[in-house]
Structures are given as structure tokens and as C-alpha cells.
Amino acid sequence: MHEHVWPVKVVLTGSDLDEDGMLVDFHELESAMRAVLVSLDGRVLNEIEAFATHDPSAELVARHIAKAIEARLPASSVGARLAMVRVGEAPGCYATYRPGLG
């Protein structure tokens, strides 16, 4: 067992903007991301229910984060959808999960 400090990149996409010219308020997205990431920070990932049946590969962590963020997208982000979550495991080594593509 070893610790990782994984950078996470989240990309949203959409075909329209709100009346303020935004797809989503970054502060609201940041809050959703913080809620998801704090649930993983400092934890033994193998002990988290989402990883009970499989070791937490970077790919599975990216998918877990994507699904959790999708569930927390701000109500004001109507029309926005999650395009991808990228998790870095080591320099130059990334796993990207794209909902709908697997």
C-alpha cells in the first residue's frame, strides 16, 4: 500500500450558456469537486465501498469521481454535461474517463 497525490482535471461541455454567459459557475463546480475529493483524501481507497470489489486503479478512481461529480452538478448548470475526468497517477501517466464512452 502506498499514498498517491493525484491531480484531477474535470471538463464540462454544453451547447448553450446561461444569461450571465457561463456554462457553469466555477465556484459551484469547485464546491462539488471539493465534496467529492474530500471523501477520498487521506483514505485507504481499498476501504471505500466503491472499490470493494476491485482495486482502485486510476481508471476506476477517474470513473468514481466522474459519477460523483455528475450527481452534484449545480442545478444552475442546465445543459452542461461532464465530458471527462482525468486522474494523474504519476508524472506523464494519466487515466481519462469519459461518460458514455467508458
PDB file of N, CA and C in Angstrom:
ATOM      1  N   MET A   1       0.837  -1.171   0.000  1.00  0.00           N
ATOM      2  CA  MET A   1       0.000   0.000   0.000  1.00  0.00           C
ATOM      3  C   MET A   1       0.892   1.247   0.000  1.00  0.00           C
ATOM      4  N   HIS A   2       0.480   2.236  -0.761  1.00  0.00           N
ATOM      5  CA  HIS A   2       1.246   3.464  -0.833  1.00  0.00           C
ATOM      6  C   HIS A   2       0.307   4.632  -1.109  1.00  0.00           C
ATOM      7  N   GLU A   3       0.789   5.802  -0.808  1.00  0.00           N
ATOM      8  CA  GLU A   3      -0.017   7.008  -0.969  1.00  0.00           C
ATOM      9  C   GLU A   3       0.188   7.604  -2.356  1.00  0.00           C
ATOM     10  N   HIS A   4      -0.887   8.189  -2.889  1.00  0.00           N
ATOM     11  CA  HIS A   4      -0.819   8.934  -4.141  1.00  0.00           C
ATOM     12  C   HIS A   4      -1.331  10.344  -3.901  1.00  0.00           C
ATOM     13  N   VAL A   5      -0.776  11.277  -4.602  1.00  0.00           N
ATOM     14  CA  VAL A   5      -1.328  12.624  -4.676  1.00  0.00           C
ATOM     15  C   VAL A   5      -1.670  12.815  -6.140  1.00  0.00           C
ATOM     16  N   TRP A   6      -2.934  12.584  -6.463  1.00  0.00           N
ATOM     17  CA  TRP A   6      -3.356  12.566  -7.854  1.00  0.00           C
ATOM     18  C   TRP A   6      -3.975  13.890  -8.267  1.00  0.00           C
ATOM     19  N   PRO A   7      -3.413  14.553  -9.280  1.00  0.00           N
ATOM     20  CA  PRO A   7      -4.097  15.728  -9.820  1.00  0.00           C
ATOM     21  C   PRO A   7      -5.350  15.262 -10.569  1.00  0.00           C
ATOM     22  N   VAL A   8      -6.399  16.050 -10.481  1.00  0.00           N
ATOM     23  CA  VAL A   8      -7.669  15.712 -11.124  1.00  0.00           C
ATOM     24  C   VAL A   8      -8.079  16.873 -12.020  1.00  0.00           C
ATOM     25  N   LYS A   9      -8.447  16.547 -13.252  1.00  0.00           N
ATOM     26  CA  LYS A   9      -8.935  17.544 -14.207  1.00  0.00           C
ATOM     27  C   LYS A   9     -10.355  17.160 -14.586  1.00  0.00           C
ATOM     28  N   VAL A  10     -11.266  18.120 -14.503  1.00  0.00           N
ATOM     29  CA  VAL A  10     -12.668  17.903 -14.859  1.00  0.00           C
ATOM     30  C   VAL A  10     -13.005  18.840 -16.013  1.00  0.00           C
ATOM     31  N   VAL A  11     -13.643  18.291 -17.054  1.00  0.00           N
ATOM     32  CA  VAL A  11     -14.053  19.094 -18.210  1.00  0.00           C
ATOM     33  C   VAL A  11     -15.556  18.942 -18.393  1.00  0.00           C
ATOM     34  N   LEU A  12     -16.238  20.083 -18.475  1.00  0.00           N
ATOM     35  CA  LEU A  12     -17.673  20.104 -18.773  1.00  0.00           C
ATOM     36  C   LEU A  12     -17.858  20.619 -20.186  1.00  0.00           C
ATOM     37  N   THR A  13     -18.969  20.242 -20.782  1.00  0.00           N
ATOM     38  CA  THR A  13     -19.286  20.716 -22.119  1.00  0.00           C
ATOM     39  C   THR A  13     -20.776  21.044 -22.164  1.00  0.00           C
ATOM     40  N   GLY A  14     -21.155  21.827 -23.127  1.00  0.00           N
ATOM     41  CA  GLY A  14     -22.556  22.182 -23.293  1.00  0.00           C
ATOM     42  C   GLY A  14     -22.744  22.973 -24.569  1.00  0.00           C
ATOM     43  N   SER A  15     -23.985  23.086 -24.982  1.00  0.00           N
ATOM     44  CA  SER A  15     -24.265  23.773 -26.245  1.00  0.00           C
ATOM     45  C   SER A  15     -24.841  25.167 -26.057  1.00  0.00           C
ATOM     46  N   ASP A  16     -25.029  25.579 -24.800  1.00  0.00           N
ATOM     47  CA  ASP A  16     -25.604  26.891 -24.555  1.00  0.00           C
ATOM     48  C   ASP A  16     -25.038  27.470 -23.270  1.00  0.00           C
ATOM     49  N   LEU A  17     -25.178  28.762 -23.109  1.00  0.00           N
ATOM     50  CA  LEU A  17     -24.706  29.456 -21.920  1.00  0.00           C
ATOM     51  C   LEU A  17     -25.890  30.066 -21.189  1.00  0.00           C
ATOM     52  N   ASP A  18     -25.726  30.334 -19.902  1.00  0.00           N
ATOM     53  CA  ASP A  18     -26.804  30.970 -19.140  1.00  0.00           C
ATOM     54  C   ASP A  18     -26.838  32.463 -19.441  1.00  0.00           C
ATOM     55  N   GLU A  19     -27.737  33.183 -18.754  1.00  0.00           N
ATOM     56  CA  GLU A  19     -27.893  34.613 -19.040  1.00  0.00           C
ATOM     57  C   GLU A  19     -26.657  35.425 -18.662  1.00  0.00           C
ATOM     58  N   ASP A  20     -25.774  34.859 -17.849  1.00  0.00           N
ATOM     59  CA  ASP A  20     -24.531  35.533 -17.499  1.00  0.00           C
ATOM     60  C   ASP A  20     -23.386  35.160 -18.440  1.00  0.00           C
ATOM     61  N   GLY A  21     -23.681  34.337 -19.458  1.00  0.00           N
ATOM     62  CA  GLY A  21     -22.666  33.937 -20.419  1.00  0.00           C
ATOM     63  C   GLY A  21     -21.762  32.815 -19.941  1.00  0.00           C
ATOM     64  N   MET A  22     -22.286  32.013 -18.980  1.00  0.00           N
ATOM     65  CA  MET A  22     -21.477  30.924 -18.432  1.00  0.00           C
ATOM     66  C   MET A  22     -22.163  29.582 -18.666  1.00  0.00           C
ATOM     67  N   LEU A  23     -21.360  28.556 -18.842  1.00  0.00           N
ATOM     68  CA  LEU A  23     -21.867  27.194 -18.910  1.00  0.00           C
ATOM     69  C   LEU A  23     -22.196  26.715 -17.504  1.00  0.00           C
ATOM     70  N   VAL A  24     -21.282  27.008 -16.576  1.00  0.00           N
ATOM     71  CA  VAL A  24     -21.470  26.655 -15.170  1.00  0.00           C
ATOM     72  C   VAL A  24     -20.641  27.626 -14.335  1.00  0.00           C
ATOM     73  N   ASP A  25     -21.135  27.945 -13.165  1.00  0.00           N
ATOM     74  CA  ASP A  25     -20.398  28.801 -12.239  1.00  0.00           C
ATOM     75  C   ASP A  25     -19.246  27.977 -11.663  1.00  0.00           C
ATOM     76  N   PHE A  26     -18.014  28.414 -11.903  1.00  0.00           N
ATOM     77  CA  PHE A  26     -16.849  27.656 -11.444  1.00  0.00           C
ATOM     78  C   PHE A  26     -16.837  27.469  -9.932  1.00  0.00           C
ATOM     79  N   HIS A  27     -17.371  28.433  -9.195  1.00  0.00           N
ATOM     80  CA  HIS A  27     -17.401  28.296  -7.736  1.00  0.00           C
ATOM     81  C   HIS A  27     -18.304  27.131  -7.324  1.00  0.00           C
ATOM     82  N   GLU A  28     -19.414  26.965  -8.020  1.00  0.00           N
ATOM     83  CA  GLU A  28     -20.310  25.849  -7.723  1.00  0.00           C
ATOM     84  C   GLU A  28     -19.675  24.522  -8.131  1.00  0.00           C
ATOM     85  N   LEU A  29     -19.009  24.499  -9.264  1.00  0.00           N
ATOM     86  CA  LEU A  29     -18.317  23.284  -9.695  1.00  0.00           C
ATOM     87  C   LEU A  29     -17.185  22.952  -8.723  1.00  0.00           C
ATOM     88  N   GLU A  30     -16.454  23.968  -8.311  1.00  0.00           N
ATOM     89  CA  GLU A  30     -15.366  23.764  -7.351  1.00  0.00           C
ATOM     90  C   GLU A  30     -15.903  23.176  -6.041  1.00  0.00           C
ATOM     91  N   SER A  31     -17.034  23.651  -5.600  1.00  0.00           N
ATOM     92  CA  SER A  31     -17.648  23.124  -4.380  1.00  0.00           C
ATOM     93  C   SER A  31     -18.035  21.654  -4.549  1.00  0.00           C
ATOM     94  N   ALA A  32     -18.589  21.301  -5.697  1.00  0.00           N
ATOM     95  CA  ALA A  32     -18.946  19.911  -5.973  1.00  0.00           C
ATOM     96  C   ALA A  32     -17.689  19.046  -6.009  1.00  0.00           C
ATOM     97  N   MET A  33     -16.643  19.542  -6.659  1.00  0.00           N
ATOM     98  CA  MET A  33     -15.394  18.786  -6.728  1.00  0.00           C
ATOM     99  C   MET A  33     -14.793  18.597  -5.341  1.00  0.00           C
ATOM    100  N   ARG A  34     -14.825  19.654  -4.542  1.00  0.00           N
ATOM    101  CA  ARG A  34     -14.266  19.569  -3.195  1.00  0.00           C
ATOM    102  C   ARG A  34     -14.995  18.502  -2.381  1.00  0.00           C
ATOM    103  N   ALA A  35     -16.324  18.460  -2.481  1.00  0.00           N
ATOM    104  CA  ALA A  35     -17.108  17.469  -1.740  1.00  0.00           C
ATOM    105  C   ALA A  35     -16.724  16.048  -2.150  1.00  0.00           C
ATOM    106  N   VAL A  36     -16.499  15.840  -3.431  1.00  0.00           N
ATOM    107  CA  VAL A  36     -16.132  14.511  -3.922  1.00  0.00           C
ATOM    108  C   VAL A  36     -14.714  14.160  -3.493  1.00  0.00           C
ATOM    109  N   LEU A  37     -13.785  15.082  -3.683  1.00  0.00           N
ATOM    110  CA  LEU A  37     -12.384  14.779  -3.425  1.00  0.00           C
ATOM    111  C   LEU A  37     -12.077  14.639  -1.937  1.00  0.00           C
ATOM    112  N   VAL A  38     -12.774  15.390  -1.087  1.00  0.00           N
ATOM    113  CA  VAL A  38     -12.531  15.276   0.349  1.00  0.00           C
ATOM    114  C   VAL A  38     -12.932  13.888   0.851  1.00  0.00           C
ATOM    115  N   SER A  39     -13.864  13.249   0.174  1.00  0.00           N
ATOM    116  CA  SER A  39     -14.278  11.902   0.581  1.00  0.00           C
ATOM    117  C   SER A  39     -13.201  10.853   0.272  1.00  0.00           C
ATOM    118  N   LEU A  40     -12.224  11.220  -0.559  1.00  0.00           N
ATOM    119  CA  LEU A  40     -11.134  10.313  -0.926  1.00  0.00           C
ATOM    120  C   LEU A  40      -9.818  10.674  -0.242  1.00  0.00           C
ATOM    121  N   ASP A  41      -9.667  11.941   0.097  1.00  0.00           N
ATOM    122  CA  ASP A  41      -8.397  12.453   0.603  1.00  0.00           C
ATOM    123  C   ASP A  41      -7.990  11.784   1.916  1.00  0.00           C
ATOM    124  N   GLY A  42      -6.771  11.260   1.932  1.00  0.00           N
ATOM    125  CA  GLY A  42      -6.226  10.657   3.132  1.00  0.00           C
ATOM    126  C   GLY A  42      -6.815   9.307   3.493  1.00  0.00           C
ATOM    127  N   ARG A  43      -7.610   8.743   2.615  1.00  0.00           N
ATOM    128  CA  ARG A  43      -8.272   7.469   2.877  1.00  0.00           C
ATOM    129  C   ARG A  43      -7.535   6.319   2.209  1.00  0.00           C
ATOM    130  N   VAL A  44      -7.686   5.140   2.762  1.00  0.00           N
ATOM    131  CA  VAL A  44      -7.233   3.928   2.099  1.00  0.00           C
ATOM    132  C   VAL A  44      -8.337   3.583   1.106  1.00  0.00           C
ATOM    133  N   LEU A  45      -8.076   3.763  -0.176  1.00  0.00           N
ATOM    134  CA  LEU A  45      -9.132   3.626  -1.177  1.00  0.00           C
ATOM    135  C   LEU A  45      -9.736   2.223  -1.198  1.00  0.00           C
ATOM    136  N   ASN A  46      -8.943   1.228  -0.876  1.00  0.00           N
ATOM    137  CA  ASN A  46      -9.469  -0.136  -0.845  1.00  0.00           C
ATOM    138  C   ASN A  46     -10.569  -0.307   0.197  1.00  0.00           C
ATOM    139  N   GLU A  47     -10.647   0.597   1.161  1.00  0.00           N
ATOM    140  CA  GLU A  47     -11.653   0.519   2.213  1.00  0.00           C
ATOM    141  C   GLU A  47     -12.922   1.296   1.879  1.00  0.00           C
ATOM    142  N   ILE A  48     -12.946   1.956   0.727  1.00  0.00           N
ATOM    143  CA  ILE A  48     -14.123   2.712   0.298  1.00  0.00           C
ATOM    144  C   ILE A  48     -15.036   1.768  -0.471  1.00  0.00           C
ATOM    145  N   GLU A  49     -16.331   1.847  -0.199  1.00  0.00           N
ATOM    146  CA  GLU A  49     -17.299   0.919  -0.789  1.00  0.00           C
ATOM    147  C   GLU A  49     -17.204   0.843  -2.308  1.00  0.00           C
ATOM    148  N   ALA A  50     -16.956   1.954  -2.961  1.00  0.00           N
ATOM    149  CA  ALA A  50     -16.882   1.975  -4.430  1.00  0.00           C
ATOM    150  C   ALA A  50     -15.784   1.068  -4.968  1.00  0.00           C
ATOM    151  N   PHE A  51     -14.793   0.756  -4.137  1.00  0.00           N
ATOM    152  CA  PHE A  51     -13.669  -0.068  -4.576  1.00  0.00           C
ATOM    153  C   PHE A  51     -13.630  -1.402  -3.832  1.00  0.00           C
ATOM    154  N   ALA A  52     -14.755  -1.835  -3.333  1.00  0.00           N
ATOM    155  CA  ALA A  52     -14.829  -3.072  -2.541  1.00  0.00           C
ATOM    156  C   ALA A  52     -14.554  -4.317  -3.380  1.00  0.00           C
ATOM    157  N   THR A  53     -14.896  -4.271  -4.665  1.00  0.00           N
ATOM    158  CA  THR A  53     -14.741  -5.461  -5.499  1.00  0.00           C
ATOM    159  C   THR A  53     -13.546  -5.399  -6.438  1.00  0.00           C
ATOM    160  N   HIS A  54     -12.957  -4.206  -6.613  1.00  0.00           N
ATOM    161  CA  HIS A  54     -11.800  -4.050  -7.495  1.00  0.00           C
ATOM    162  C   HIS A  54     -10.799  -3.103  -6.845  1.00  0.00           C
ATOM    163  N   ASP A  55      -9.527  -3.380  -7.048  1.00  0.00           N
ATOM    164  CA  ASP A  55      -8.513  -2.449  -6.570  1.00  0.00           C
ATOM    165  C   ASP A  55      -8.703  -1.105  -7.265  1.00  0.00           C
ATOM    166  N   PRO A  56      -8.447  -0.021  -6.554  1.00  0.00           N
ATOM    167  CA  PRO A  56      -8.702   1.316  -7.100  1.00  0.00           C
ATOM    168  C   PRO A  56      -7.638   1.771  -8.099  1.00  0.00           C
ATOM    169  N   SER A  57      -7.753   1.298  -9.327  1.00  0.00           N
ATOM    170  CA  SER A  57      -6.857   1.767 -10.387  1.00  0.00           C
ATOM    171  C   SER A  57      -7.172   3.235 -10.668  1.00  0.00           C
ATOM    172  N   ALA A  58      -6.263   3.904 -11.327  1.00  0.00           N
ATOM    173  CA  ALA A  58      -6.501   5.299 -11.706  1.00  0.00           C
ATOM    174  C   ALA A  58      -7.755   5.405 -12.574  1.00  0.00           C
ATOM    175  N   GLU A  59      -7.989   4.397 -13.419  1.00  0.00           N
ATOM    176  CA  GLU A  59      -9.174   4.399 -14.281  1.00  0.00           C
ATOM    177  C   GLU A  59     -10.454   4.328 -13.456  1.00  0.00           C
ATOM    178  N   LEU A  60     -10.459   3.454 -12.447  1.00  0.00           N
ATOM    179  CA  LEU A  60     -11.655   3.331 -11.592  1.00  0.00           C
ATOM    180  C   LEU A  60     -11.843   4.567 -10.717  1.00  0.00           C
ATOM    181  N   VAL A  61     -10.752   5.160 -10.280  1.00  0.00           N
ATOM    182  CA  VAL A  61     -10.853   6.394  -9.495  1.00  0.00           C
ATOM    183  C   VAL A  61     -11.426   7.506 -10.364  1.00  0.00           C
ATOM    184  N   ALA A  62     -10.969   7.617 -11.603  1.00  0.00           N
ATOM    185  CA  ALA A  62     -11.500   8.634 -12.520  1.00  0.00           C
ATOM    186  C   ALA A  62     -12.998   8.427 -12.738  1.00  0.00           C
ATOM    187  N   ARG A  63     -13.422   7.174 -12.940  1.00  0.00           N
ATOM    188  CA  ARG A  63     -14.850   6.896 -13.139  1.00  0.00           C
ATOM    189  C   ARG A  63     -15.646   7.229 -11.889  1.00  0.00           C
ATOM    190  N   HIS A  64     -15.129   6.865 -10.726  1.00  0.00           N
ATOM    191  CA  HIS A  64     -15.806   7.160  -9.464  1.00  0.00           C
ATOM    192  C   HIS A  64     -15.992   8.672  -9.295  1.00  0.00           C
ATOM    193  N   ILE A  65     -14.941   9.429  -9.542  1.00  0.00           N
ATOM    194  CA  ILE A  65     -15.016  10.883  -9.422  1.00  0.00           C
ATOM    195  C   ILE A  65     -16.017  11.447 -10.420  1.00  0.00           C
ATOM    196  N   ALA A  66     -15.995  10.953 -11.657  1.00  0.00           N
ATOM    197  CA  ALA A  66     -16.922  11.433 -12.686  1.00  0.00           C
ATOM    198  C   ALA A  66     -18.368  11.226 -12.267  1.00  0.00           C
ATOM    199  N   LYS A  67     -18.692  10.034 -11.814  1.00  0.00           N
ATOM    200  CA  LYS A  67     -20.075   9.740 -11.426  1.00  0.00           C
ATOM    201  C   LYS A  67     -20.497  10.577 -10.225  1.00  0.00           C
ATOM    202  N   ALA A  68     -19.590  10.767  -9.278  1.00  0.00           N
ATOM    203  CA  ALA A  68     -19.913  11.562  -8.097  1.00  0.00           C
ATOM    204  C   ALA A  68     -20.102  13.033  -8.446  1.00  0.00           C
ATOM    205  N   ILE A  69     -19.288  13.552  -9.352  1.00  0.00           N
ATOM    206  CA  ILE A  69     -19.440  14.953  -9.758  1.00  0.00           C
ATOM    207  C   ILE A  69     -20.704  15.136 -10.582  1.00  0.00           C
ATOM    208  N   GLU A  70     -20.997  14.194 -11.469  1.00  0.00           N
ATOM    209  CA  GLU A  70     -22.242  14.277 -12.253  1.00  0.00           C
ATOM    210  C   GLU A  70     -23.448  14.396 -11.326  1.00  0.00           C
ATOM    211  N   ALA A  71     -23.435  13.648 -10.246  1.00  0.00           N
ATOM    212  CA  ALA A  71     -24.554  13.666  -9.297  1.00  0.00           C
ATOM    213  C   ALA A  71     -24.640  14.987  -8.547  1.00  0.00           C
ATOM    214  N   ARG A  72     -23.554  15.757  -8.540  1.00  0.00           N
ATOM    215  CA  ARG A  72     -23.511  17.014  -7.784  1.00  0.00           C
ATOM    216  C   ARG A  72     -23.457  18.250  -8.672  1.00  0.00           C
ATOM    217  N   LEU A  73     -23.624  18.086  -9.980  1.00  0.00           N
ATOM    218  CA  LEU A  73     -23.573  19.271 -10.846  1.00  0.00           C
ATOM    219  C   LEU A  73     -24.625  20.271 -10.387  1.00  0.00           C
ATOM    220  N   PRO A  74     -24.252  21.522 -10.307  1.00  0.00           N
ATOM    221  CA  PRO A  74     -25.190  22.540  -9.833  1.00  0.00           C
ATOM    222  C   PRO A  74     -26.456  22.608 -10.683  1.00  0.00           C
ATOM    223  N   ALA A  75     -27.576  22.862 -10.039  1.00  0.00           N
ATOM    224  CA  ALA A  75     -28.850  22.985 -10.751  1.00  0.00           C
ATOM    225  C   ALA A  75     -28.787  24.104 -11.784  1.00  0.00           C
ATOM    226  N   SER A  76     -27.954  25.110 -11.526  1.00  0.00           N
ATOM    227  CA  SER A  76     -27.829  26.236 -12.456  1.00  0.00           C
ATOM    228  C   SER A  76     -27.088  25.858 -13.734  1.00  0.00           C
ATOM    229  N   SER A  77     -26.532  24.671 -13.798  1.00  0.00           N
ATOM    230  CA  SER A  77     -25.750  24.268 -14.970  1.00  0.00           C
ATOM    231  C   SER A  77     -26.599  23.469 -15.952  1.00  0.00           C
ATOM    232  N   VAL A  78     -27.830  23.874 -16.134  1.00  0.00           N
ATOM    233  CA  VAL A  78     -28.733  23.187 -17.054  1.00  0.00           C
ATOM    234  C   VAL A  78     -28.102  23.176 -18.441  1.00  0.00           C
ATOM    235  N   GLY A  79     -28.017  22.007 -19.031  1.00  0.00           N
ATOM    236  CA  GLY A  79     -27.420  21.871 -20.346  1.00  0.00           C
ATOM    237  C   GLY A  79     -25.949  21.503 -20.311  1.00  0.00           C
ATOM    238  N   ALA A  80     -25.310  21.679 -19.151  1.00  0.00           N
ATOM    239  CA  ALA A  80     -23.905  21.288 -19.030  1.00  0.00           C
ATOM    240  C   ALA A  80     -23.835  19.794 -18.746  1.00  0.00           C
ATOM    241  N   ARG A  81     -22.840  19.160 -19.315  1.00  0.00           N
ATOM    242  CA  ARG A  81     -22.632  17.746 -19.006  1.00  0.00           C
ATOM    243  C   ARG A  81     -21.142  17.502 -18.832  1.00  0.00           C
ATOM    244  N   LEU A  82     -20.856  16.481 -18.071  1.00  0.00           N
ATOM    245  CA  LEU A  82     -19.477  16.128 -17.812  1.00  0.00           C
ATOM    246  C   LEU A  82     -18.899  15.470 -19.052  1.00  0.00           C
ATOM    247  N   ALA A  83     -17.812  16.020 -19.570  1.00  0.00           N
ATOM    248  CA  ALA A  83     -17.172  15.466 -20.763  1.00  0.00           C
ATOM    249  C   ALA A  83     -16.073  14.484 -20.395  1.00  0.00           C
ATOM    250  N   MET A  84     -15.323  14.784 -19.315  1.00  0.00           N
ATOM    251  CA  MET A  84     -14.244  13.881 -18.929  1.00  0.00           C
ATOM    252  C   MET A  84     -13.707  14.216 -17.554  1.00  0.00           C
ATOM    253  N   VAL A  85     -13.110  13.207 -16.945  1.00  0.00           N
ATOM    254  CA  VAL A  85     -12.315  13.368 -15.728  1.00  0.00           C
ATOM    255  C   VAL A  85     -10.989  12.684 -15.985  1.00  0.00           C
ATOM    256  N   ARG A  86      -9.920  13.409 -15.736  1.00  0.00           N
ATOM    257  CA  ARG A  86      -8.571  12.856 -15.907  1.00  0.00           C
ATOM    258  C   ARG A  86      -7.895  12.829 -14.539  1.00  0.00           C
ATOM    259  N   VAL A  87      -7.307  11.693 -14.223  1.00  0.00           N
ATOM    260  CA  VAL A  87      -6.597  11.493 -12.964  1.00  0.00           C
ATOM    261  C   VAL A  87      -5.149  11.159 -13.291  1.00  0.00           C
ATOM    262  N   GLY A  88      -4.233  11.891 -12.690  1.00  0.00           N
ATOM    263  CA  GLY A  88      -2.815  11.619 -12.880  1.00  0.00           C
ATOM    264  C   GLY A  88      -2.297  10.761 -11.748  1.00  0.00           C
ATOM    265  N   GLU A  89      -1.669   9.656 -12.086  1.00  0.00           N
ATOM    266  CA  GLU A  89      -1.142   8.747 -11.068  1.00  0.00           C
ATOM    267  C   GLU A  89       0.351   8.973 -10.830  1.00  0.00           C
ATOM    268  N   ALA A  90       1.053   9.337 -11.869  1.00  0.00           N
ATOM    269  CA  ALA A  90       2.486   9.619 -11.793  1.00  0.00           C
ATOM    270  C   ALA A  90       2.796  10.592 -12.938  1.00  0.00           C
ATOM    271  N   PRO A  91       3.927  11.276 -12.883  1.00  0.00           N
ATOM    272  CA  PRO A  91       4.245  12.207 -13.977  1.00  0.00           C
ATOM    273  C   PRO A  91       4.144  11.524 -15.341  1.00  0.00           C
ATOM    274  N   GLY A  92       3.317  12.091 -16.198  1.00  0.00           N
ATOM    275  CA  GLY A  92       3.139  11.549 -17.541  1.00  0.00           C
ATOM    276  C   GLY A  92       2.188  10.363 -17.631  1.00  0.00           C
ATOM    277  N   CYS A  93       1.626   9.929 -16.512  1.00  0.00           N
ATOM    278  CA  CYS A  93       0.721   8.773 -16.501  1.00  0.00           C
ATOM    279  C   CYS A  93      -0.661   9.220 -16.048  1.00  0.00           C
ATOM    280  N   TYR A  94      -1.628   9.192 -16.971  1.00  0.00           N
ATOM    281  CA  TYR A  94      -2.976   9.660 -16.699  1.00  0.00           C
ATOM    282  C   TYR A  94      -3.991   8.619 -17.128  1.00  0.00           C
ATOM    283  N   ALA A  95      -5.111   8.632 -16.441  1.00  0.00           N
ATOM    284  CA  ALA A  95      -6.261   7.842 -16.860  1.00  0.00           C
ATOM    285  C   ALA A  95      -7.398   8.819 -17.064  1.00  0.00           C
ATOM    286  N   THR A  96      -8.088   8.687 -18.179  1.00  0.00           N
ATOM    287  CA  THR A  96      -9.200   9.580 -18.503  1.00  0.00           C
ATOM    288  C   THR A  96     -10.467   8.763 -18.634  1.00  0.00           C
ATOM    289  N   TYR A  97     -11.518   9.215 -17.944  1.00  0.00           N
ATOM    290  CA  TYR A  97     -12.831   8.590 -18.049  1.00  0.00           C
ATOM    291  C   TYR A  97     -13.759   9.578 -18.731  1.00  0.00           C
ATOM    292  N   ARG A  98     -14.455   9.107 -19.746  1.00  0.00           N
ATOM    293  CA  ARG A  98     -15.423   9.927 -20.478  1.00  0.00           C
ATOM    294  C   ARG A  98     -16.769   9.249 -20.399  1.00  0.00           C
ATOM    295  N   PRO A  99     -17.714   9.832 -19.663  1.00  0.00           N
ATOM    296  CA  PRO A  99     -19.035   9.213 -19.545  1.00  0.00           C
ATOM    297  C   PRO A  99     -19.615   8.927 -20.924  1.00  0.00           C
ATOM    298  N   GLY A 100     -20.222   7.767 -21.036  1.00  0.00           N
ATOM    299  CA  GLY A 100     -20.799   7.365 -22.311  1.00  0.00           C
ATOM    300  C   GLY A 100     -19.820   6.626 -23.194  1.00  0.00           C
ATOM    301  N   LEU A 101     -18.539   6.807 -22.944  1.00  0.00           N
ATOM    302  CA  LEU A 101     -17.523   6.090 -23.723  1.00  0.00           C
ATOM    303  C   LEU A 101     -16.902   4.968 -22.909  1.00  0.00           C
ATOM    304  N   GLY A 102     -17.070   5.026 -21.586  1.00  0.00           N
ATOM    305  CA  GLY A 102     -16.494   4.008 -20.704  1.00  0.00           C
ATOM    306  C   GLY A 102     -15.123   4.338 -20.249  1.00  0.00           C
TER     307      GLY A 102
END
